[in-house]
Protein backbone atom coordinates (compact mmCIF):
# COMPACT_ATOMS: atom_id res chain seq x y z
CA MET A 1 6.08 -1.84 46.61
CA ARG A 2 4.94 -5.08 46.49
CA ARG A 3 5.77 -6.90 43.46
CA SER A 4 2.39 -8.71 42.81
CA PHE A 5 1.62 -11.08 40.19
CA ALA A 6 -0.07 -8.02 38.24
CA PHE A 7 2.67 -6.26 38.47
CA LYS A 8 5.53 -8.41 37.11
CA LEU A 9 2.81 -9.21 34.27
CA THR A 10 3.20 -5.63 33.38
CA LEU A 11 7.08 -5.39 32.97
CA LEU A 12 7.14 -8.64 31.06
CA THR A 13 4.36 -7.23 28.34
CA LEU A 14 6.99 -4.00 28.11
CA VAL A 15 9.65 -5.91 27.32
CA TRP A 16 7.53 -7.88 24.69
CA LEU A 17 6.65 -4.56 23.26
CA LEU A 18 10.16 -3.41 22.82
CA LEU A 19 11.50 -6.60 21.74
CA ALA A 20 8.76 -7.06 19.38
CA ILE A 21 9.56 -3.18 17.64
CA ALA A 22 13.46 -4.40 17.79
CA CYS A 23 12.16 -7.08 16.17
CA GLU A 24 11.08 -5.31 13.10
CA GLN A 25 14.31 -3.35 13.11
CA VAL A 26 16.29 -6.27 12.05
CA PRO A 27 17.09 -7.18 8.06
CA VAL A 28 15.11 -10.57 7.48
CA ARG A 29 17.65 -11.93 5.22
CA ALA A 30 19.69 -11.86 8.68
CA PHE A 31 17.83 -13.86 10.41
CA TRP A 32 14.34 -14.27 9.07
CA PRO A 33 12.21 -16.10 12.41
CA VAL A 34 11.88 -12.10 13.99
CA GLN A 35 9.46 -11.39 11.37
CA PHE A 36 7.28 -13.82 13.69
CA GLY A 37 8.03 -11.46 16.49
CA ALA A 38 7.46 -8.28 14.90
CA LEU A 39 3.83 -9.55 13.81
CA THR A 40 3.19 -9.59 17.27
CA THR A 41 3.33 -5.52 17.94
CA PRO A 42 -0.33 -5.15 18.18
CA VAL A 43 -1.08 -7.77 20.51
CA ALA A 44 1.94 -5.62 22.59
CA LEU A 45 0.87 -2.57 22.56
CA LEU A 46 -3.29 -3.73 22.55
CA CYS A 47 -1.66 -5.81 26.23
CA THR A 48 -0.27 -2.31 27.33
CA VAL A 49 -3.48 -0.53 26.51
CA LEU A 50 -5.22 -2.86 28.82
CA LEU A 51 -2.84 -2.82 31.55
CA ALA A 52 -2.53 1.07 31.73
CA LEU A 53 -6.80 1.20 32.09
CA TYR A 54 -6.07 -1.72 34.62
CA TRP A 55 -3.10 0.66 36.64
CA LEU A 56 -5.25 3.58 36.58
CA ARG A 57 -7.99 2.20 38.83
CA ARG A 58 -5.40 1.29 41.29
CA ASN A 59 -1.71 2.73 41.40
CA TRP A 60 -1.35 5.30 39.27
CA ARG A 61 2.37 5.46 39.92
CA VAL A 62 2.26 2.07 38.18
CA ALA A 63 0.16 3.01 35.35
CA ALA A 64 2.68 5.69 34.31
CA LEU A 65 5.14 3.12 33.37
CA PRO A 66 2.50 1.60 30.36
CA ILE A 67 0.98 5.06 29.82
CA VAL A 68 4.67 6.40 29.06
CA ALA A 69 5.32 2.95 26.79
CA LEU A 70 2.37 4.22 24.55
CA GLY A 71 4.08 7.56 24.21
CA LEU A 72 6.82 6.42 23.02
CA THR A 73 5.69 4.12 20.61
CA TRP A 74 2.61 6.03 19.61
CA PRO A 75 3.90 5.99 15.64
CA HIS A 76 3.25 2.16 15.90
CA VAL A 77 0.29 2.97 17.18
CA GLN A 78 -0.74 4.88 13.99
CA ARG A 79 1.17 2.40 12.15
CA GLY A 80 -1.85 -0.31 12.58
CA LEU A 81 -4.70 1.92 13.14
CA ALA A 82 -4.54 5.71 13.07
CA LEU A 83 -6.34 8.04 15.26
CA HIS A 84 -6.65 11.41 13.20
CA ALA A 85 -9.44 13.55 12.84
CA SER A 86 -12.27 12.67 10.02
CA LEU A 87 -10.53 13.85 6.63
CA THR A 88 -11.82 17.82 5.37
CA GLU A 89 -10.77 17.90 2.26
CA LYS A 90 -13.21 19.04 -0.65
CA SER A 91 -14.04 16.09 -2.30
CA SER A 92 -16.36 15.41 -5.72
CA ARG A 93 -18.92 12.54 -5.33
CA LYS A 94 -19.81 10.38 -9.23
CA GLU A 95 -22.55 8.24 -9.97
CA GLU A 96 -20.77 5.90 -12.22
CA LYS A 97 -23.42 3.70 -14.20
CA LEU A 98 -21.85 0.61 -14.54
CA ALA A 99 -21.71 -2.12 -17.77
CA ASN A 100 -24.81 -4.20 -15.91
CA GLY A 101 -26.86 -0.80 -15.58
CA GLU A 102 -26.08 -0.93 -11.59
CA MET A 103 -25.04 2.62 -10.41
CA LEU A 104 -21.90 3.02 -8.37
CA HIS A 105 -21.55 6.37 -6.34
CA SER A 106 -17.26 6.90 -5.75
CA THR A 107 -15.79 9.94 -4.22
CA PHE A 108 -12.66 11.63 -4.90
CA PHE A 109 -10.30 14.46 -3.69
CA ILE A 110 -10.68 17.57 -5.30
CA PRO A 111 -6.99 18.17 -6.13
CA PRO A 112 -6.08 21.66 -5.17
CA ALA A 113 -4.31 23.29 -8.18
CA LYS A 114 -1.03 23.02 -6.59
CA SER A 115 -1.34 19.70 -5.04
CA VAL A 116 -0.60 15.91 -6.43
CA LEU A 117 -3.41 13.35 -6.41
CA LEU A 118 -2.25 9.50 -6.74
CA LEU A 119 -4.41 6.79 -7.10
CA SER A 120 -2.62 3.37 -6.64
CA ALA A 121 -4.18 -0.10 -7.45
CA ASN A 122 -3.41 -3.69 -7.94
CA VAL A 123 -6.07 -4.23 -10.77
CA ARG A 124 -5.48 -7.97 -10.77
CA ILE A 125 -5.40 -8.03 -14.69
CA PHE A 126 -8.55 -6.86 -15.01
CA ASN A 127 -10.32 -9.77 -14.04
CA VAL A 128 -9.11 -11.22 -17.68
CA TYR A 129 -8.65 -14.79 -16.79
CA ALA A 130 -11.97 -16.97 -16.83
CA ALA A 131 -11.46 -17.94 -13.54
CA LEU A 132 -12.31 -14.14 -12.88
CA ARG A 133 -14.48 -12.82 -15.27
CA ASP A 134 -17.69 -12.18 -15.37
CA PRO A 135 -20.34 -12.02 -18.46
CA ASN A 136 -19.57 -9.55 -21.30
CA PHE A 137 -16.59 -8.48 -18.91
CA ALA A 138 -18.18 -5.64 -17.33
CA SER A 139 -16.30 -5.72 -13.86
CA SER A 140 -13.07 -5.05 -16.30
CA LYS A 141 -14.76 -2.38 -18.26
CA ALA A 142 -16.04 -0.72 -15.37
CA PHE A 143 -13.03 -1.22 -13.36
CA ILE A 144 -10.68 0.58 -16.40
CA HIS A 145 -14.12 3.30 -17.22
CA TRP A 146 -13.27 4.23 -13.25
CA LEU A 147 -9.29 4.54 -13.61
CA ALA A 148 -9.75 6.68 -16.68
CA ALA A 149 -13.02 8.63 -14.82
CA SER A 150 -10.17 9.66 -12.15
CA PRO A 151 -9.43 12.75 -11.47
CA ALA A 152 -6.18 11.70 -9.94
CA ASP A 153 -2.71 13.40 -11.41
CA VAL A 154 -1.21 9.93 -11.11
CA LEU A 155 -2.10 6.23 -11.11
CA CYS A 156 0.26 3.60 -9.98
CA LEU A 157 -1.00 0.25 -11.26
CA GLN A 158 0.33 -3.28 -10.45
CA GLU A 159 -0.57 -6.15 -11.96
CA TYR A 160 -1.44 -4.38 -14.83
CA TYR A 161 -2.77 -6.07 -17.91
CA ASN A 162 -3.84 -4.43 -21.56
CA VAL A 163 -3.86 -5.77 -24.98
CA PRO A 164 -2.06 -3.39 -27.82
CA THR A 165 -4.12 -1.99 -30.32
CA GLY A 166 -4.31 -3.97 -33.55
CA LEU A 167 -4.49 -7.59 -31.81
CA ASP A 168 -8.30 -9.37 -32.44
CA ARG A 169 -9.19 -10.94 -29.50
CA GLU A 170 -10.96 -8.85 -26.93
CA SER A 171 -8.65 -5.91 -28.45
CA LYS A 172 -11.63 -3.12 -27.27
CA VAL A 173 -11.97 -4.31 -23.93
CA PHE A 174 -8.78 -4.43 -22.77
CA ARG A 175 -6.85 -1.48 -24.81
CA THR A 176 -6.26 -0.11 -21.23
CA ASP A 177 -2.84 1.76 -22.34
CA GLU A 178 -5.27 3.56 -24.96
CA TYR A 179 -8.07 3.90 -22.15
CA LEU A 180 -6.09 5.46 -19.42
CA GLY A 181 -3.12 7.16 -20.82
CA ARG A 182 -4.03 9.65 -24.36
CA ALA A 183 -7.78 9.06 -24.16
CA SER A 184 -7.75 9.62 -20.70
CA GLY A 185 -5.36 13.06 -20.86
CA ARG A 186 -2.77 11.06 -19.46
CA HIS A 187 1.20 10.01 -20.24
CA SER A 188 1.77 6.29 -19.98
CA PHE A 189 5.10 4.40 -18.70
CA VAL A 190 4.73 0.90 -19.39
CA SER A 191 6.75 -1.93 -17.55
CA THR A 192 6.32 -5.28 -19.75
CA SER A 193 6.97 -8.04 -17.62
CA LEU A 194 5.50 -10.57 -19.52
CA THR A 195 3.92 -10.99 -23.09
CA ASN A 196 2.08 -13.78 -23.97
CA VAL A 197 0.55 -15.79 -27.01
CA ILE A 198 -1.67 -13.45 -28.14
CA GLY A 199 0.82 -10.40 -28.00
CA ALA A 200 -1.30 -8.91 -24.35
CA GLU A 201 0.77 -7.32 -22.23
CA PHE A 202 1.58 -7.77 -18.44
CA GLY A 203 3.32 -5.76 -15.75
CA MET A 204 2.85 -2.17 -14.06
CA ALA A 205 2.24 1.25 -14.78
CA ILE A 206 2.30 4.49 -14.07
CA PHE A 207 0.45 7.22 -15.78
CA SER A 208 0.47 10.91 -15.32
CA ARG A 209 -1.00 14.05 -16.67
CA PHE A 210 2.24 15.58 -16.27
CA PRO A 211 4.52 14.80 -18.57
CA ILE A 212 7.29 11.88 -18.22
CA VAL A 213 10.62 13.32 -18.71
CA ARG A 214 12.71 10.02 -17.28
CA GLN A 215 11.84 6.83 -16.51
CA GLN A 216 13.21 3.39 -15.09
CA THR A 217 12.71 -0.17 -14.10
CA ILE A 218 13.88 -1.51 -10.93
CA PRO A 219 14.00 -5.58 -11.43
CA PHE A 220 13.99 -7.78 -8.33
CA GLY A 221 16.94 -10.01 -9.83
CA LYS A 222 15.36 -11.71 -13.27
CA LEU A 223 11.94 -8.75 -14.14
CA SER A 224 8.69 -11.04 -13.13
CA GLN A 225 5.32 -9.17 -12.26
CA ASN A 226 7.12 -8.08 -8.75
CA HIS A 227 9.51 -5.64 -9.97
CA ALA A 228 9.62 -1.36 -9.12
CA MET A 229 9.68 1.48 -11.50
CA TRP A 230 10.31 5.36 -11.35
CA ALA A 231 9.08 8.14 -13.62
CA ASP A 232 10.53 11.84 -13.25
CA LEU A 233 7.69 14.02 -13.73
CA ALA A 234 7.65 17.59 -14.80
CA ARG A 235 4.51 20.02 -13.44
CA PRO A 236 4.30 23.18 -15.15
CA ALA A 237 4.74 26.75 -13.43
CA ALA A 238 0.29 26.32 -12.40
CA ARG A 239 0.63 23.26 -10.92
CA THR A 240 3.20 24.05 -8.38
CA GLY A 241 2.25 27.20 -6.79
CA THR A 242 5.62 28.76 -6.85
CA GLY A 243 5.31 30.64 -9.93
CA ARG A 244 7.83 27.68 -11.54
CA PRO A 245 7.95 24.20 -12.98
CA ASP A 246 9.40 21.68 -11.02
CA THR A 247 10.16 17.45 -10.77
CA ILE A 248 8.98 15.40 -9.13
CA ARG A 249 9.85 11.02 -9.13
CA VAL A 250 6.74 8.49 -8.65
CA PHE A 251 7.82 5.08 -7.40
CA ASN A 252 5.47 2.62 -8.08
CA VAL A 253 6.25 -0.88 -6.12
CA HIS A 254 4.74 -4.57 -5.75
CA PHE A 255 6.79 -6.49 -3.95
CA GLN A 256 6.93 -10.33 -3.33
CA SER A 257 3.58 -11.82 -2.56
CA MET A 258 3.38 -14.98 0.41
CA ALA A 259 1.20 -16.69 -1.51
CA MET A 260 -0.96 -17.83 1.41
CA ASP A 261 -4.00 -19.44 0.38
CA ALA A 262 -6.73 -17.72 2.80
CA GLY A 263 -8.36 -21.70 2.90
CA ASP A 264 -5.18 -22.85 3.87
CA ILE A 265 -4.27 -20.50 7.17
CA ALA A 266 -7.90 -21.47 8.12
CA THR A 267 -7.33 -25.10 7.74
CA ALA A 268 -4.35 -25.50 9.71
CA THR A 269 -6.26 -23.28 12.68
CA GLU A 270 -9.18 -25.26 12.92
CA SER A 271 -7.42 -28.29 13.83
CA ARG A 272 -3.96 -30.49 14.90
CA ALA A 273 -4.81 -32.56 11.87
CA GLY A 274 -5.09 -29.32 9.42
CA LEU A 275 -2.24 -27.83 11.43
CA ARG A 276 0.20 -30.99 10.35
CA ASP A 277 -1.23 -30.86 6.94
CA LYS A 278 -0.33 -27.40 6.12
CA ALA A 279 1.88 -25.75 8.33
CA PRO A 280 5.04 -26.59 6.90
CA ASN A 281 4.36 -25.24 3.77
CA LEU A 282 3.19 -22.20 4.43
CA LEU A 283 6.17 -21.71 6.64
CA ARG A 284 7.83 -22.45 3.52
CA ARG A 285 6.11 -19.63 2.08
CA PHE A 286 5.93 -17.20 4.67
CA ARG A 287 9.70 -17.62 5.13
CA SER A 288 10.59 -16.95 0.75
CA GLY A 289 8.17 -14.53 0.91
CA ALA A 290 9.13 -12.56 3.96
CA VAL A 291 13.04 -12.59 2.89
CA ALA A 292 12.15 -11.56 -0.81
CA ARG A 293 10.56 -8.43 0.43
CA GLY A 294 13.47 -7.47 2.57
CA THR A 295 15.76 -7.42 -0.06
CA GLN A 296 13.48 -5.49 -2.30
CA VAL A 297 12.34 -3.02 -0.42
CA ASP A 298 16.67 -2.24 0.29
CA THR A 299 16.78 -1.98 -3.48
CA VAL A 300 13.99 0.39 -3.99
CA LEU A 301 15.16 2.28 -0.86
CA ALA A 302 18.87 2.57 -2.04
CA CYS A 303 17.04 4.14 -5.49
CA VAL A 304 14.90 6.53 -3.35
CA ALA A 305 18.05 7.78 -1.62
CA ARG A 306 19.47 8.49 -4.62
CA SER A 307 16.61 10.88 -6.37
CA PRO A 308 17.25 14.20 -6.66
CA TYR A 309 13.64 15.38 -6.42
CA PRO A 310 10.82 14.96 -4.06
CA VAL A 311 9.63 11.79 -3.93
CA LEU A 312 6.16 9.81 -3.48
CA LEU A 313 5.98 6.37 -3.66
CA ALA A 314 3.08 3.97 -3.66
CA GLY A 315 2.10 -0.02 -4.53
CA ASP A 316 1.62 -3.11 -3.04
CA THR A 317 3.81 -4.04 -0.49
CA ASN A 318 2.56 -7.20 0.47
CA ASP A 319 3.35 -6.89 3.95
CA LEU A 320 1.69 -5.43 6.75
CA PRO A 321 2.68 -2.09 9.14
CA TYR A 322 4.36 -4.04 11.34
CA SER A 323 7.36 -5.61 9.88
CA TYR A 324 10.70 -5.02 8.30
CA THR A 325 9.83 -3.82 4.78
CA TYR A 326 6.93 -1.31 6.49
CA ASP A 327 9.53 -0.31 9.15
CA GLN A 328 12.36 0.55 6.40
CA LEU A 329 9.96 2.68 4.48
CA ALA A 330 8.36 4.80 7.49
CA ASP A 331 12.25 5.00 8.51
CA HIS A 332 12.80 7.56 5.33
CA LEU A 333 9.47 8.16 4.05
CA GLN A 334 6.06 9.38 5.70
CA ASN A 335 2.98 7.17 5.17
CA ALA A 336 -0.15 8.78 3.84
CA TRP A 337 -2.52 6.47 5.92
CA ALA A 338 -0.40 6.80 9.27
CA THR A 339 -0.38 10.21 8.90
CA VAL A 340 -3.68 11.17 8.45
CA GLY A 341 -6.07 8.35 8.47
CA LEU A 342 -8.80 7.43 10.58
CA GLY A 343 -9.27 3.33 11.36
CA LEU A 344 -7.40 0.12 9.95
CA GLY A 345 -7.74 1.37 6.69
CA ALA A 346 -7.81 -2.66 5.01
CA THR A 347 -6.58 -2.63 1.75
CA TYR A 348 -7.30 -6.50 1.22
CA ASN A 349 -10.26 -7.37 -0.08
CA GLY A 350 -10.52 -10.76 0.68
CA LYS A 351 -11.41 -13.43 3.37
CA LEU A 352 -8.81 -12.28 5.74
CA PRO A 353 -10.41 -8.99 7.15
CA GLY A 354 -8.21 -5.75 8.41
CA LEU A 355 -5.44 -6.16 6.33
CA ARG A 356 -3.11 -2.89 4.99
CA ILE A 357 -0.75 -4.74 2.60
CA ASP A 358 -1.49 -1.58 -0.12
CA GLN A 359 0.70 2.02 1.03
CA GLN A 360 1.67 5.02 -0.11
CA PHE A 361 4.51 7.33 1.23
CA ALA A 362 5.96 10.56 0.97
CA GLY A 363 9.53 11.99 1.23
CA PRO A 364 9.47 14.34 4.11
CA GLN A 365 9.68 17.40 1.78
CA TRP A 366 5.59 16.46 1.31
CA GLN A 367 2.09 17.36 3.04
CA VAL A 368 -0.14 14.99 3.28
CA LEU A 369 -3.55 16.33 2.46
CA GLY A 370 -5.30 13.13 2.87
CA CYS A 371 -5.63 9.46 2.20
CA ARG A 372 -8.48 7.66 1.29
CA VAL A 373 -9.15 3.53 0.78
CA HIS A 374 -11.91 3.13 -2.06
CA ARG A 375 -13.51 -0.11 -0.54
CA GLU A 376 -16.13 0.75 -2.43
CA ILE A 377 -14.35 -0.62 -5.39
CA LYS A 378 -14.79 -4.32 -5.25
CA TRP A 379 -13.16 -5.48 -9.09
CA SER A 380 -9.78 -6.86 -7.27
CA ASP A 381 -8.98 -8.40 -4.44
CA HIS A 382 -7.25 -5.03 -3.46
CA PHE A 383 -9.08 -1.81 -2.49
CA PRO A 384 -7.57 1.45 -4.47
CA VAL A 385 -5.90 3.91 -2.42
CA GLU A 386 -6.09 7.75 -3.08
CA GLY A 387 -3.62 9.66 -1.41
CA LEU A 388 -3.33 13.97 -1.61
CA TYR A 389 -0.12 15.38 -1.31
CA GLN A 390 1.03 19.16 -1.36
CA LEU A 391 4.92 20.18 -1.02
CA SER A 392 5.79 22.39 2.08
CA VAL A 393 7.28 25.17 1.95
CA ASN A 394 10.53 24.03 2.61
CA GLY A 395 10.90 21.72 0.20
CA GLU A 396 9.87 23.67 -2.80
CA GLN A 397 12.29 23.80 -5.63
């Protein structure tokens, strides 16, 4: 066979694809630049698809090479672009009246009796800061009300904010422990990482309609907004489908952000001067964030491995599906969107479109029934993610 340029390009692309996937598996703390190689995986996959289409019209035997490569790497295709049938689970459509008088239509899953409905969201401290708030705290009230009205059995919230009952300033708006907990029929585990001068609390939270029987915070060194937590939830016999009660463990995670400003990224790509000005700082932030998340995911997975109960894990991973962070989680757990989703499943509500940085994962004992991103909820820079799960027959306790 004559080794044409196209054939050589095909071989080089397949090698590139394999190396990019290999980069996802290298611990970031050992050699952080591999993250750049991992981020090229979707481009390598796209090039492989294009080459397969090219060769199908010219030489089917050569076309077999990229087609087989796509078959072998299909789970990686699904990581970034899930290609499953449309969701068929029944859902309820609710019409909520917002504080400004507008109506919001929001669709939730209707959880079957023996399933678990999990809603996770980075709530961006409910827009309490002056730079985020709107008149009369309209978005804050609407977001808290929406979460309280959700039929979810479990809420996993990051960048959580609460003003304890009894404090004066804005206490009625931000008594979120009360609104999302007792008033909504949920038990609560709030992990507070910071208390400000007025006594308001910042951190993470798990709210559950099932009793919380054990709980623990997982700090990543010094306790900060970036940490993890887990809670053991006791499901009554009526909710398990087995005729007997069981226990599940839910992890809520918030991994390190790169804190890379979208404006700086745009400036760096617009001109050589912008690149010289912004690139060094962007590179430092990229490196520190990637290394931190690599260590954090290893810490969390060590805790997951010790769980005696079926695990659900949700939160803001601050990393893309083509990264060491995601790869390690996907090696041990099944990603909800990649399992049943359709499309990109973007969760970042910002200037960089198409990013899925908020995830839900389930242990092997679970069947993922559905997953959706609530893109209609725009009160944060992250869209909430809703997943529906049921223990498989083999996973019953």
